[in-house]
Each structure stands twice: as structure tokens, then as C-alpha cells.
Amino acid sequence: MSLTPSRTKVVYFRVSEAEFERYMAFCRSQGVRSISDLARSGLEILVAEERGYTLNGLTERVTALSGLIAGLSGTIQGLTEIVSNKKLDASLEKGA
């Protein structure tokens, strides 16, 4: 039993020899089975706009999340320094 839906329609488009070689090299480097799979995946990304998942929108979300992660990282670093200073202060008090 195949997990892939049955494909009954064929779509053709022409590419230059250079484009073909570039696409094939990309497929090999990414482990993509064929140019057809690559084209299908690319079209899915473009069509995703209808579902509200535009590439631009996703890029903006990733940028925002990166900013949040950087902020959290700074907060964690600050808290770590506070805890380390408190431990240092406590050990100095014990030694005094």
C-alpha cells in the first residue's frame, strides 16, 4: 500500500540544459528524488499563500522568533550572573 496519493495529471515545462544540470545537482545535494519532486515542493510553498503561510510571512515569523530567543538568551545570561554573584557573596560571608 502506497502512502503517496495517486498522481494522474502531468505538467510539463521546459528548462535549459544549464537549468536542468543545476536542478539535478540541487536534488542530489538535498536528497530529493527528482526534479518533479523538487518542482512539486516548490509549488506547494507558493500555493501555501492561500493557507496564510507565505514564504515572506514565515520569514518574518522566524525573524521575530530569533529576536525573542536572543532576548531570552540575554535574560538567562543575566540571571546566571546574578546567581553566580550571590553564590560568591555567600561563600565570602562564610569565609569572613
PDB file of N, CA and C in Angstrom:
ATOM      1  N   MET A   1       0.845  -1.180   0.000  1.00  0.00           N
ATOM      2  CA  MET A   1       0.000   0.000   0.000  1.00  0.00           C
ATOM      3  C   MET A   1       0.883   1.233   0.000  1.00  0.00           C
ATOM      4  N   SER A   2       0.664   2.131  -0.946  1.00  0.00           N
ATOM      5  CA  SER A   2       1.461   3.339  -1.084  1.00  0.00           C
ATOM      6  C   SER A   2       0.897   4.465  -0.221  1.00  0.00           C
ATOM      7  N   LEU A   3       1.784   5.184   0.453  1.00  0.00           N
ATOM      8  CA  LEU A   3       1.366   6.322   1.261  1.00  0.00           C
ATOM      9  C   LEU A   3       1.258   7.591   0.422  1.00  0.00           C
ATOM     10  N   THR A   4       1.804   7.544  -0.795  1.00  0.00           N
ATOM     11  CA  THR A   4       1.745   8.688  -1.694  1.00  0.00           C
ATOM     12  C   THR A   4       0.427   8.676  -2.454  1.00  0.00           C
ATOM     13  N   PRO A   5      -0.264   9.824  -2.495  1.00  0.00           N
ATOM     14  CA  PRO A   5      -1.522   9.840  -3.245  1.00  0.00           C
ATOM     15  C   PRO A   5      -1.283   9.548  -4.730  1.00  0.00           C
ATOM     16  N   SER A   6      -2.244   8.935  -5.355  1.00  0.00           N
ATOM     17  CA  SER A   6      -2.140   8.609  -6.771  1.00  0.00           C
ATOM     18  C   SER A   6      -2.028   9.894  -7.589  1.00  0.00           C
ATOM     19  N   ARG A   7      -1.080   9.910  -8.486  1.00  0.00           N
ATOM     20  CA  ARG A   7      -0.884  11.089  -9.330  1.00  0.00           C
ATOM     21  C   ARG A   7      -1.276  10.715 -10.750  1.00  0.00           C
ATOM     22  N   THR A   8      -2.268  11.413 -11.263  1.00  0.00           N
ATOM     23  CA  THR A   8      -2.769  11.079 -12.588  1.00  0.00           C
ATOM     24  C   THR A   8      -2.577  12.201 -13.601  1.00  0.00           C
ATOM     25  N   LYS A   9      -2.180  13.377 -13.153  1.00  0.00           N
ATOM     26  CA  LYS A   9      -2.009  14.516 -14.054  1.00  0.00           C
ATOM     27  C   LYS A   9      -0.522  14.766 -14.289  1.00  0.00           C
ATOM     28  N   VAL A  10      -0.201  15.228 -15.485  1.00  0.00           N
ATOM     29  CA  VAL A  10       1.181  15.511 -15.849  1.00  0.00           C
ATOM     30  C   VAL A  10       1.284  16.990 -16.214  1.00  0.00           C
ATOM     31  N   VAL A  11       2.324  17.634 -15.713  1.00  0.00           N
ATOM     32  CA  VAL A  11       2.593  19.036 -16.029  1.00  0.00           C
ATOM     33  C   VAL A  11       3.980  19.097 -16.652  1.00  0.00           C
ATOM     34  N   TYR A  12       4.079  19.721 -17.802  1.00  0.00           N
ATOM     35  CA  TYR A  12       5.358  19.851 -18.489  1.00  0.00           C
ATOM     36  C   TYR A  12       5.822  21.298 -18.459  1.00  0.00           C
ATOM     37  N   PHE A  13       7.133  21.490 -18.358  1.00  0.00           N
ATOM     38  CA  PHE A  13       7.708  22.800 -18.608  1.00  0.00           C
ATOM     39  C   PHE A  13       9.140  22.585 -19.072  1.00  0.00           C
ATOM     40  N   ARG A  14       9.609  23.492 -19.887  1.00  0.00           N
ATOM     41  CA  ARG A  14      10.929  23.351 -20.485  1.00  0.00           C
ATOM     42  C   ARG A  14      11.965  24.117 -19.677  1.00  0.00           C
ATOM     43  N   VAL A  15      13.162  23.552 -19.600  1.00  0.00           N
ATOM     44  CA  VAL A  15      14.279  24.211 -18.947  1.00  0.00           C
ATOM     45  C   VAL A  15      15.497  24.106 -19.857  1.00  0.00           C
ATOM     46  N   SER A  16      16.440  25.008 -19.671  1.00  0.00           N
ATOM     47  CA  SER A  16      17.676  24.947 -20.451  1.00  0.00           C
ATOM     48  C   SER A  16      18.543  23.820 -19.904  1.00  0.00           C
ATOM     49  N   GLU A  17      19.568  23.465 -20.645  1.00  0.00           N
ATOM     50  CA  GLU A  17      20.495  22.433 -20.187  1.00  0.00           C
ATOM     51  C   GLU A  17      21.156  22.859 -18.876  1.00  0.00           C
ATOM     52  N   ALA A  18      21.540  24.137 -18.788  1.00  0.00           N
ATOM     53  CA  ALA A  18      22.181  24.644 -17.574  1.00  0.00           C
ATOM     54  C   ALA A  18      21.221  24.577 -16.380  1.00  0.00           C
ATOM     55  N   GLU A  19      19.965  24.955 -16.596  1.00  0.00           N
ATOM     56  CA  GLU A  19      18.972  24.874 -15.526  1.00  0.00           C
ATOM     57  C   GLU A  19      18.788  23.430 -15.072  1.00  0.00           C
ATOM     58  N   PHE A  20      18.681  22.540 -16.051  1.00  0.00           N
ATOM     59  CA  PHE A  20      18.493  21.126 -15.740  1.00  0.00           C
ATOM     60  C   PHE A  20      19.636  20.610 -14.873  1.00  0.00           C
ATOM     61  N   GLU A  21      20.870  20.906 -15.267  1.00  0.00           N
ATOM     62  CA  GLU A  21      22.032  20.445 -14.505  1.00  0.00           C
ATOM     63  C   GLU A  21      22.042  21.053 -13.107  1.00  0.00           C
ATOM     64  N   ARG A  22      21.687  22.337 -13.002  1.00  0.00           N
ATOM     65  CA  ARG A  22      21.647  22.999 -11.695  1.00  0.00           C
ATOM     66  C   ARG A  22      20.580  22.364 -10.802  1.00  0.00           C
ATOM     67  N   TYR A  23      19.406  22.090 -11.378  1.00  0.00           N
ATOM     68  CA  TYR A  23      18.323  21.480 -10.606  1.00  0.00           C
ATOM     69  C   TYR A  23      18.696  20.066 -10.162  1.00  0.00           C
ATOM     70  N   MET A  24      19.314  19.311 -11.051  1.00  0.00           N
ATOM     71  CA  MET A  24      19.716  17.945 -10.709  1.00  0.00           C
ATOM     72  C   MET A  24      20.779  17.953  -9.612  1.00  0.00           C
ATOM     73  N   ALA A  25      21.739  18.867  -9.716  1.00  0.00           N
ATOM     74  CA  ALA A  25      22.775  18.966  -8.686  1.00  0.00           C
ATOM     75  C   ALA A  25      22.144  19.317  -7.342  1.00  0.00           C
ATOM     76  N   PHE A  26      21.164  20.210  -7.356  1.00  0.00           N
ATOM     77  CA  PHE A  26      20.482  20.580  -6.122  1.00  0.00           C
ATOM     78  C   PHE A  26      19.734  19.386  -5.551  1.00  0.00           C
ATOM     79  N   CYS A  27      19.043  18.654  -6.410  1.00  0.00           N
ATOM     80  CA  CYS A  27      18.314  17.460  -5.959  1.00  0.00           C
ATOM     81  C   CYS A  27      19.266  16.476  -5.293  1.00  0.00           C
ATOM     82  N   ARG A  28      20.410  16.225  -5.929  1.00  0.00           N
ATOM     83  CA  ARG A  28      21.381  15.285  -5.361  1.00  0.00           C
ATOM     84  C   ARG A  28      21.889  15.783  -4.014  1.00  0.00           C
ATOM     85  N   SER A  29      22.191  17.078  -3.922  1.00  0.00           N
ATOM     86  CA  SER A  29      22.754  17.617  -2.676  1.00  0.00           C
ATOM     87  C   SER A  29      21.737  17.613  -1.540  1.00  0.00           C
ATOM     88  N   GLN A  30      20.455  17.684  -1.873  1.00  0.00           N
ATOM     89  CA  GLN A  30      19.412  17.742  -0.849  1.00  0.00           C
ATOM     90  C   GLN A  30      18.720  16.406  -0.619  1.00  0.00           C
ATOM     91  N   GLY A  31      19.102  15.406  -1.392  1.00  0.00           N
ATOM     92  CA  GLY A  31      18.476  14.100  -1.244  1.00  0.00           C
ATOM     93  C   GLY A  31      17.068  14.056  -1.815  1.00  0.00           C
ATOM     94  N   VAL A  32      16.768  14.972  -2.736  1.00  0.00           N
ATOM     95  CA  VAL A  32      15.455  15.000  -3.378  1.00  0.00           C
ATOM     96  C   VAL A  32      15.491  13.990  -4.517  1.00  0.00           C
ATOM     97  N   ARG A  33      14.439  13.209  -4.629  1.00  0.00           N
ATOM     98  CA  ARG A  33      14.398  12.090  -5.573  1.00  0.00           C
ATOM     99  C   ARG A  33      14.460  12.519  -7.030  1.00  0.00           C
ATOM    100  N   SER A  34      13.783  13.627  -7.373  1.00  0.00           N
ATOM    101  CA  SER A  34      13.718  14.022  -8.781  1.00  0.00           C
ATOM    102  C   SER A  34      13.382  15.501  -8.899  1.00  0.00           C
ATOM    103  N   ILE A  35      13.559  16.019 -10.103  1.00  0.00           N
ATOM    104  CA  ILE A  35      13.169  17.408 -10.365  1.00  0.00           C
ATOM    105  C   ILE A  35      11.664  17.551 -10.189  1.00  0.00           C
ATOM    106  N   SER A  36      10.919  16.519 -10.498  1.00  0.00           N
ATOM    107  CA  SER A  36       9.467  16.567 -10.300  1.00  0.00           C
ATOM    108  C   SER A  36       9.129  16.785  -8.828  1.00  0.00           C
ATOM    109  N   ASP A  37       9.807  16.055  -7.942  1.00  0.00           N
ATOM    110  CA  ASP A  37       9.572  16.243  -6.509  1.00  0.00           C
ATOM    111  C   ASP A  37       9.979  17.648  -6.073  1.00  0.00           C
ATOM    112  N   LEU A  38      11.089  18.134  -6.623  1.00  0.00           N
ATOM    113  CA  LEU A  38      11.546  19.485  -6.307  1.00  0.00           C
ATOM    114  C   LEU A  38      10.510  20.517  -6.754  1.00  0.00           C
ATOM    115  N   ALA A  39      10.021  20.376  -7.985  1.00  0.00           N
ATOM    116  CA  ALA A  39       9.023  21.309  -8.514  1.00  0.00           C
ATOM    117  C   ALA A  39       7.736  21.239  -7.698  1.00  0.00           C
ATOM    118  N   ARG A  40       7.312  20.035  -7.356  1.00  0.00           N
ATOM    119  CA  ARG A  40       6.095  19.863  -6.566  1.00  0.00           C
ATOM    120  C   ARG A  40       6.234  20.547  -5.211  1.00  0.00           C
ATOM    121  N   SER A  41       7.383  20.377  -4.565  1.00  0.00           N
ATOM    122  CA  SER A  41       7.620  21.015  -3.263  1.00  0.00           C
ATOM    123  C   SER A  41       7.624  22.533  -3.388  1.00  0.00           C
ATOM    124  N   GLY A  42       8.272  23.023  -4.435  1.00  0.00           N
ATOM    125  CA  GLY A  42       8.306  24.470  -4.661  1.00  0.00           C
ATOM    126  C   GLY A  42       6.925  25.039  -4.905  1.00  0.00           C
ATOM    127  N   LEU A  43       6.126  24.337  -5.674  1.00  0.00           N
ATOM    128  CA  LEU A  43       4.758  24.795  -5.923  1.00  0.00           C
ATOM    129  C   LEU A  43       3.926  24.767  -4.650  1.00  0.00           C
ATOM    130  N   GLU A  44       4.144  23.768  -3.812  1.00  0.00           N
ATOM    131  CA  GLU A  44       3.420  23.705  -2.540  1.00  0.00           C
ATOM    132  C   GLU A  44       3.712  24.927  -1.685  1.00  0.00           C
ATOM    133  N   ILE A  45       4.969  25.374  -1.693  1.00  0.00           N
ATOM    134  CA  ILE A  45       5.338  26.572  -0.932  1.00  0.00           C
ATOM    135  C   ILE A  45       4.600  27.783  -1.489  1.00  0.00           C
ATOM    136  N   LEU A  46       4.546  27.904  -2.804  1.00  0.00           N
ATOM    137  CA  LEU A  46       3.850  29.040  -3.418  1.00  0.00           C
ATOM    138  C   LEU A  46       2.349  28.999  -3.158  1.00  0.00           C
ATOM    139  N   VAL A  47       1.765  27.832  -3.221  1.00  0.00           N
ATOM    140  CA  VAL A  47       0.327  27.678  -3.017  1.00  0.00           C
ATOM    141  C   VAL A  47      -0.037  27.869  -1.545  1.00  0.00           C
ATOM    142  N   ALA A  48       0.922  27.643  -0.657  1.00  0.00           N
ATOM    143  CA  ALA A  48       0.670  27.779   0.777  1.00  0.00           C
ATOM    144  C   ALA A  48       0.188  29.180   1.129  1.00  0.00           C
ATOM    145  N   GLU A  49       0.432  30.136   0.259  1.00  0.00           N
ATOM    146  CA  GLU A  49      -0.027  31.511   0.497  1.00  0.00           C
ATOM    147  C   GLU A  49      -1.528  31.545   0.772  1.00  0.00           C
ATOM    148  N   GLU A  50      -2.259  30.700   0.100  1.00  0.00           N
ATOM    149  CA  GLU A  50      -3.710  30.653   0.304  1.00  0.00           C
ATOM    150  C   GLU A  50      -4.065  30.199   1.712  1.00  0.00           C
ATOM    151  N   ARG A  51      -3.174  29.460   2.351  1.00  0.00           N
ATOM    152  CA  ARG A  51      -3.419  28.992   3.716  1.00  0.00           C
ATOM    153  C   ARG A  51      -2.821  29.948   4.733  1.00  0.00           C
ATOM    154  N   GLY A  52      -2.265  31.061   4.260  1.00  0.00           N
ATOM    155  CA  GLY A  52      -1.684  32.043   5.159  1.00  0.00           C
ATOM    156  C   GLY A  52      -0.248  31.756   5.544  1.00  0.00           C
ATOM    157  N   TYR A  53       0.423  30.863   4.832  1.00  0.00           N
ATOM    158  CA  TYR A  53       1.800  30.517   5.129  1.00  0.00           C
ATOM    159  C   TYR A  53       2.727  31.002   4.017  1.00  0.00           C
ATOM    160  N   THR A  54       2.721  32.292   3.767  1.00  0.00           N
ATOM    161  CA  THR A  54       3.589  32.803   2.717  1.00  0.00           C
ATOM    162  C   THR A  54       5.040  32.691   3.154  1.00  0.00           C
ATOM    163  N   LEU A  55       5.912  32.564   2.198  1.00  0.00           N
ATOM    164  CA  LEU A  55       7.337  32.489   2.495  1.00  0.00           C
ATOM    165  C   LEU A  55       7.773  33.763   3.200  1.00  0.00           C
ATOM    166  N   ASN A  56       7.270  34.898   2.734  1.00  0.00           N
ATOM    167  CA  ASN A  56       7.601  36.168   3.365  1.00  0.00           C
ATOM    168  C   ASN A  56       7.080  36.197   4.799  1.00  0.00           C
ATOM    169  N   GLY A  57       5.856  35.741   5.007  1.00  0.00           N
ATOM    170  CA  GLY A  57       5.273  35.708   6.342  1.00  0.00           C
ATOM    171  C   GLY A  57       6.041  34.795   7.269  1.00  0.00           C
ATOM    172  N   LEU A  58       6.448  33.640   6.760  1.00  0.00           N
ATOM    173  CA  LEU A  58       7.232  32.716   7.576  1.00  0.00           C
ATOM    174  C   LEU A  58       8.597  33.305   7.906  1.00  0.00           C
ATOM    175  N   THR A  59       9.191  34.011   6.958  1.00  0.00           N
ATOM    176  CA  THR A  59      10.478  34.655   7.198  1.00  0.00           C
ATOM    177  C   THR A  59      10.342  35.690   8.312  1.00  0.00           C
ATOM    178  N   GLU A  60       9.261  36.458   8.278  1.00  0.00           N
ATOM    179  CA  GLU A  60       9.030  37.455   9.324  1.00  0.00           C
ATOM    180  C   GLU A  60       8.849  36.777  10.681  1.00  0.00           C
ATOM    181  N   ARG A  61       8.124  35.671  10.719  1.00  0.00           N
ATOM    182  CA  ARG A  61       7.912  34.954  11.983  1.00  0.00           C
ATOM    183  C   ARG A  61       9.219  34.393  12.520  1.00  0.00           C
ATOM    184  N   VAL A  62      10.046  33.836  11.634  1.00  0.00           N
ATOM    185  CA  VAL A  62      11.336  33.296  12.066  1.00  0.00           C
ATOM    186  C   VAL A  62      12.222  34.424  12.602  1.00  0.00           C
ATOM    187  N   THR A  63      12.204  35.578  11.946  1.00  0.00           N
ATOM    188  CA  THR A  63      12.979  36.730  12.409  1.00  0.00           C
ATOM    189  C   THR A  63      12.502  37.171  13.788  1.00  0.00           C
ATOM    190  N   ALA A  64      11.188  37.238  13.974  1.00  0.00           N
ATOM    191  CA  ALA A  64      10.634  37.629  15.276  1.00  0.00           C
ATOM    192  C   ALA A  64      11.018  36.618  16.344  1.00  0.00           C
ATOM    193  N   LEU A  65      10.903  35.330  16.017  1.00  0.00           N
ATOM    194  CA  LEU A  65      11.277  34.292  16.984  1.00  0.00           C
ATOM    195  C   LEU A  65      12.768  34.347  17.314  1.00  0.00           C
ATOM    196  N   SER A  66      13.590  34.646  16.330  1.00  0.00           N
ATOM    197  CA  SER A  66      15.026  34.782  16.580  1.00  0.00           C
ATOM    198  C   SER A  66      15.295  35.913  17.559  1.00  0.00           C
ATOM    199  N   GLY A  67      14.557  37.015  17.399  1.00  0.00           N
ATOM    200  CA  GLY A  67      14.690  38.135  18.330  1.00  0.00           C
ATOM    201  C   GLY A  67      14.280  37.745  19.739  1.00  0.00           C
ATOM    202  N   LEU A  68      13.183  37.010  19.851  1.00  0.00           N
ATOM    203  CA  LEU A  68      12.736  36.550  21.166  1.00  0.00           C
ATOM    204  C   LEU A  68      13.759  35.614  21.806  1.00  0.00           C
ATOM    205  N   ILE A  69      14.316  34.726  21.014  1.00  0.00           N
ATOM    206  CA  ILE A  69      15.325  33.798  21.526  1.00  0.00           C
ATOM    207  C   ILE A  69      16.559  34.566  21.993  1.00  0.00           C
ATOM    208  N   ALA A  70      16.977  35.566  21.224  1.00  0.00           N
ATOM    209  CA  ALA A  70      18.130  36.374  21.633  1.00  0.00           C
ATOM    210  C   ALA A  70      17.832  37.090  22.947  1.00  0.00           C
ATOM    211  N   GLY A  71      16.618  37.623  23.087  1.00  0.00           N
ATOM    212  CA  GLY A  71      16.231  38.295  24.319  1.00  0.00           C
ATOM    213  C   GLY A  71      16.233  37.341  25.500  1.00  0.00           C
ATOM    214  N   LEU A  72      15.686  36.155  25.309  1.00  0.00           N
ATOM    215  CA  LEU A  72      15.678  35.154  26.370  1.00  0.00           C
ATOM    216  C   LEU A  72      17.094  34.720  26.736  1.00  0.00           C
ATOM    217  N   SER A  73      17.937  34.603  25.742  1.00  0.00           N
ATOM    218  CA  SER A  73      19.324  34.230  25.995  1.00  0.00           C
ATOM    219  C   SER A  73      20.006  35.284  26.864  1.00  0.00           C
ATOM    220  N   GLY A  74      19.755  36.557  26.562  1.00  0.00           N
ATOM    221  CA  GLY A  74      20.315  37.636  27.368  1.00  0.00           C
ATOM    222  C   GLY A  74      19.787  37.602  28.787  1.00  0.00           C
ATOM    223  N   THR A  75      18.499  37.336  28.932  1.00  0.00           N
ATOM    224  CA  THR A  75      17.891  37.248  30.264  1.00  0.00           C
ATOM    225  C   THR A  75      18.497  36.096  31.055  1.00  0.00           C
ATOM    226  N   ILE A  76      18.646  34.949  30.427  1.00  0.00           N
ATOM    227  CA  ILE A  76      19.240  33.788  31.094  1.00  0.00           C
ATOM    228  C   ILE A  76      20.670  34.098  31.518  1.00  0.00           C
ATOM    229  N   GLN A  77      21.419  34.742  30.644  1.00  0.00           N
ATOM    230  CA  GLN A  77      22.797  35.093  30.974  1.00  0.00           C
ATOM    231  C   GLN A  77      22.828  36.045  32.174  1.00  0.00           C
ATOM    232  N   GLY A  78      21.929  37.026  32.180  1.00  0.00           N
ATOM    233  CA  GLY A  78      21.858  37.955  33.307  1.00  0.00           C
ATOM    234  C   GLY A  78      21.507  37.251  34.606  1.00  0.00           C
ATOM    235  N   LEU A  79      20.541  36.350  34.556  1.00  0.00           N
ATOM    236  CA  LEU A  79      20.153  35.596  35.746  1.00  0.00           C
ATOM    237  C   LEU A  79      21.288  34.701  36.233  1.00  0.00           C
ATOM    238  N   THR A  80      22.009  34.111  35.300  1.00  0.00           N
ATOM    239  CA  THR A  80      23.151  33.266  35.655  1.00  0.00           C
ATOM    240  C   THR A  80      24.208  34.086  36.386  1.00  0.00           C
ATOM    241  N   GLU A  81      24.454  35.301  35.914  1.00  0.00           N
ATOM    242  CA  GLU A  81      25.429  36.171  36.575  1.00  0.00           C
ATOM    243  C   GLU A  81      24.952  36.544  37.977  1.00  0.00           C
ATOM    244  N   ILE A  82      23.666  36.828  38.147  1.00  0.00           N
ATOM    245  CA  ILE A  82      23.126  37.165  39.467  1.00  0.00           C
ATOM    246  C   ILE A  82      23.297  36.000  40.425  1.00  0.00           C
ATOM    247  N   VAL A  83      22.948  34.803  39.963  1.00  0.00           N
ATOM    248  CA  VAL A  83      23.086  33.616  40.806  1.00  0.00           C
ATOM    249  C   VAL A  83      24.553  33.385  41.162  1.00  0.00           C
ATOM    250  N   SER A  84      25.435  33.527  40.192  1.00  0.00           N
ATOM    251  CA  SER A  84      26.870  33.333  40.449  1.00  0.00           C
ATOM    252  C   SER A  84      27.373  34.354  41.457  1.00  0.00           C
ATOM    253  N   ASN A  85      26.954  35.608  41.337  1.00  0.00           N
ATOM    254  CA  ASN A  85      27.370  36.650  42.276  1.00  0.00           C
ATOM    255  C   ASN A  85      26.845  36.366  43.679  1.00  0.00           C
ATOM    256  N   LYS A  86      25.593  35.888  43.781  1.00  0.00           N
ATOM    257  CA  LYS A  86      25.027  35.565  45.094  1.00  0.00           C
ATOM    258  C   LYS A  86      25.804  34.418  45.736  1.00  0.00           C
ATOM    259  N   LYS A  87      26.173  33.417  44.922  1.00  0.00           N
ATOM    260  CA  LYS A  87      26.956  32.298  45.451  1.00  0.00           C
ATOM    261  C   LYS A  87      28.320  32.783  45.922  1.00  0.00           C
ATOM    262  N   LEU A  88      28.937  33.691  45.163  1.00  0.00           N
ATOM    263  CA  LEU A  88      30.230  34.246  45.518  1.00  0.00           C
ATOM    264  C   LEU A  88      30.113  35.042  46.813  1.00  0.00           C
ATOM    265  N   ASP A  89      29.061  35.868  46.913  1.00  0.00           N
ATOM    266  CA  ASP A  89      28.828  36.655  48.120  1.00  0.00           C
ATOM    267  C   ASP A  89      28.630  35.745  49.328  1.00  0.00           C
ATOM    268  N   ALA A  90      27.849  34.687  49.167  1.00  0.00           N
ATOM    269  CA  ALA A  90      27.571  33.747  50.264  1.00  0.00           C
ATOM    270  C   ALA A  90      28.859  33.054  50.711  1.00  0.00           C
ATOM    271  N   SER A  91      29.718  32.674  49.777  1.00  0.00           N
ATOM    272  CA  SER A  91      30.948  31.996  50.150  1.00  0.00           C
ATOM    273  C   SER A  91      31.922  32.966  50.806  1.00  0.00           C
ATOM    274  N   LEU A  92      31.902  34.238  50.394  1.00  0.00           N
ATOM    275  CA  LEU A  92      32.747  35.241  51.045  1.00  0.00           C
ATOM    276  C   LEU A  92      32.278  35.508  52.461  1.00  0.00           C
ATOM    277  N   GLU A  93      30.965  35.521  52.678  1.00  0.00           N
ATOM    278  CA  GLU A  93      30.397  35.740  54.011  1.00  0.00           C
ATOM    279  C   GLU A  93      30.755  34.592  54.932  1.00  0.00           C
ATOM    280  N   LYS A  94      30.754  33.382  54.424  1.00  0.00           N
ATOM    281  CA  LYS A  94      31.108  32.216  55.243  1.00  0.00           C
ATOM    282  C   LYS A  94      32.582  32.276  55.637  1.00  0.00           C
ATOM    283  N   GLY A  95      33.402  32.768  54.729  1.00  0.00           N
ATOM    284  CA  GLY A  95      34.842  32.833  54.985  1.00  0.00           C
ATOM    285  C   GLY A  95      35.216  33.975  55.904  1.00  0.00           C
ATOM    286  N   ALA A  96      34.364  34.968  56.041  1.00  0.00           N
ATOM    287  CA  ALA A  96      34.690  36.154  56.856  1.00  0.00           C
ATOM    288  C   ALA A  96      34.452  35.957  58.328  1.00  0.00           C
TER     289      ALA A  96
END
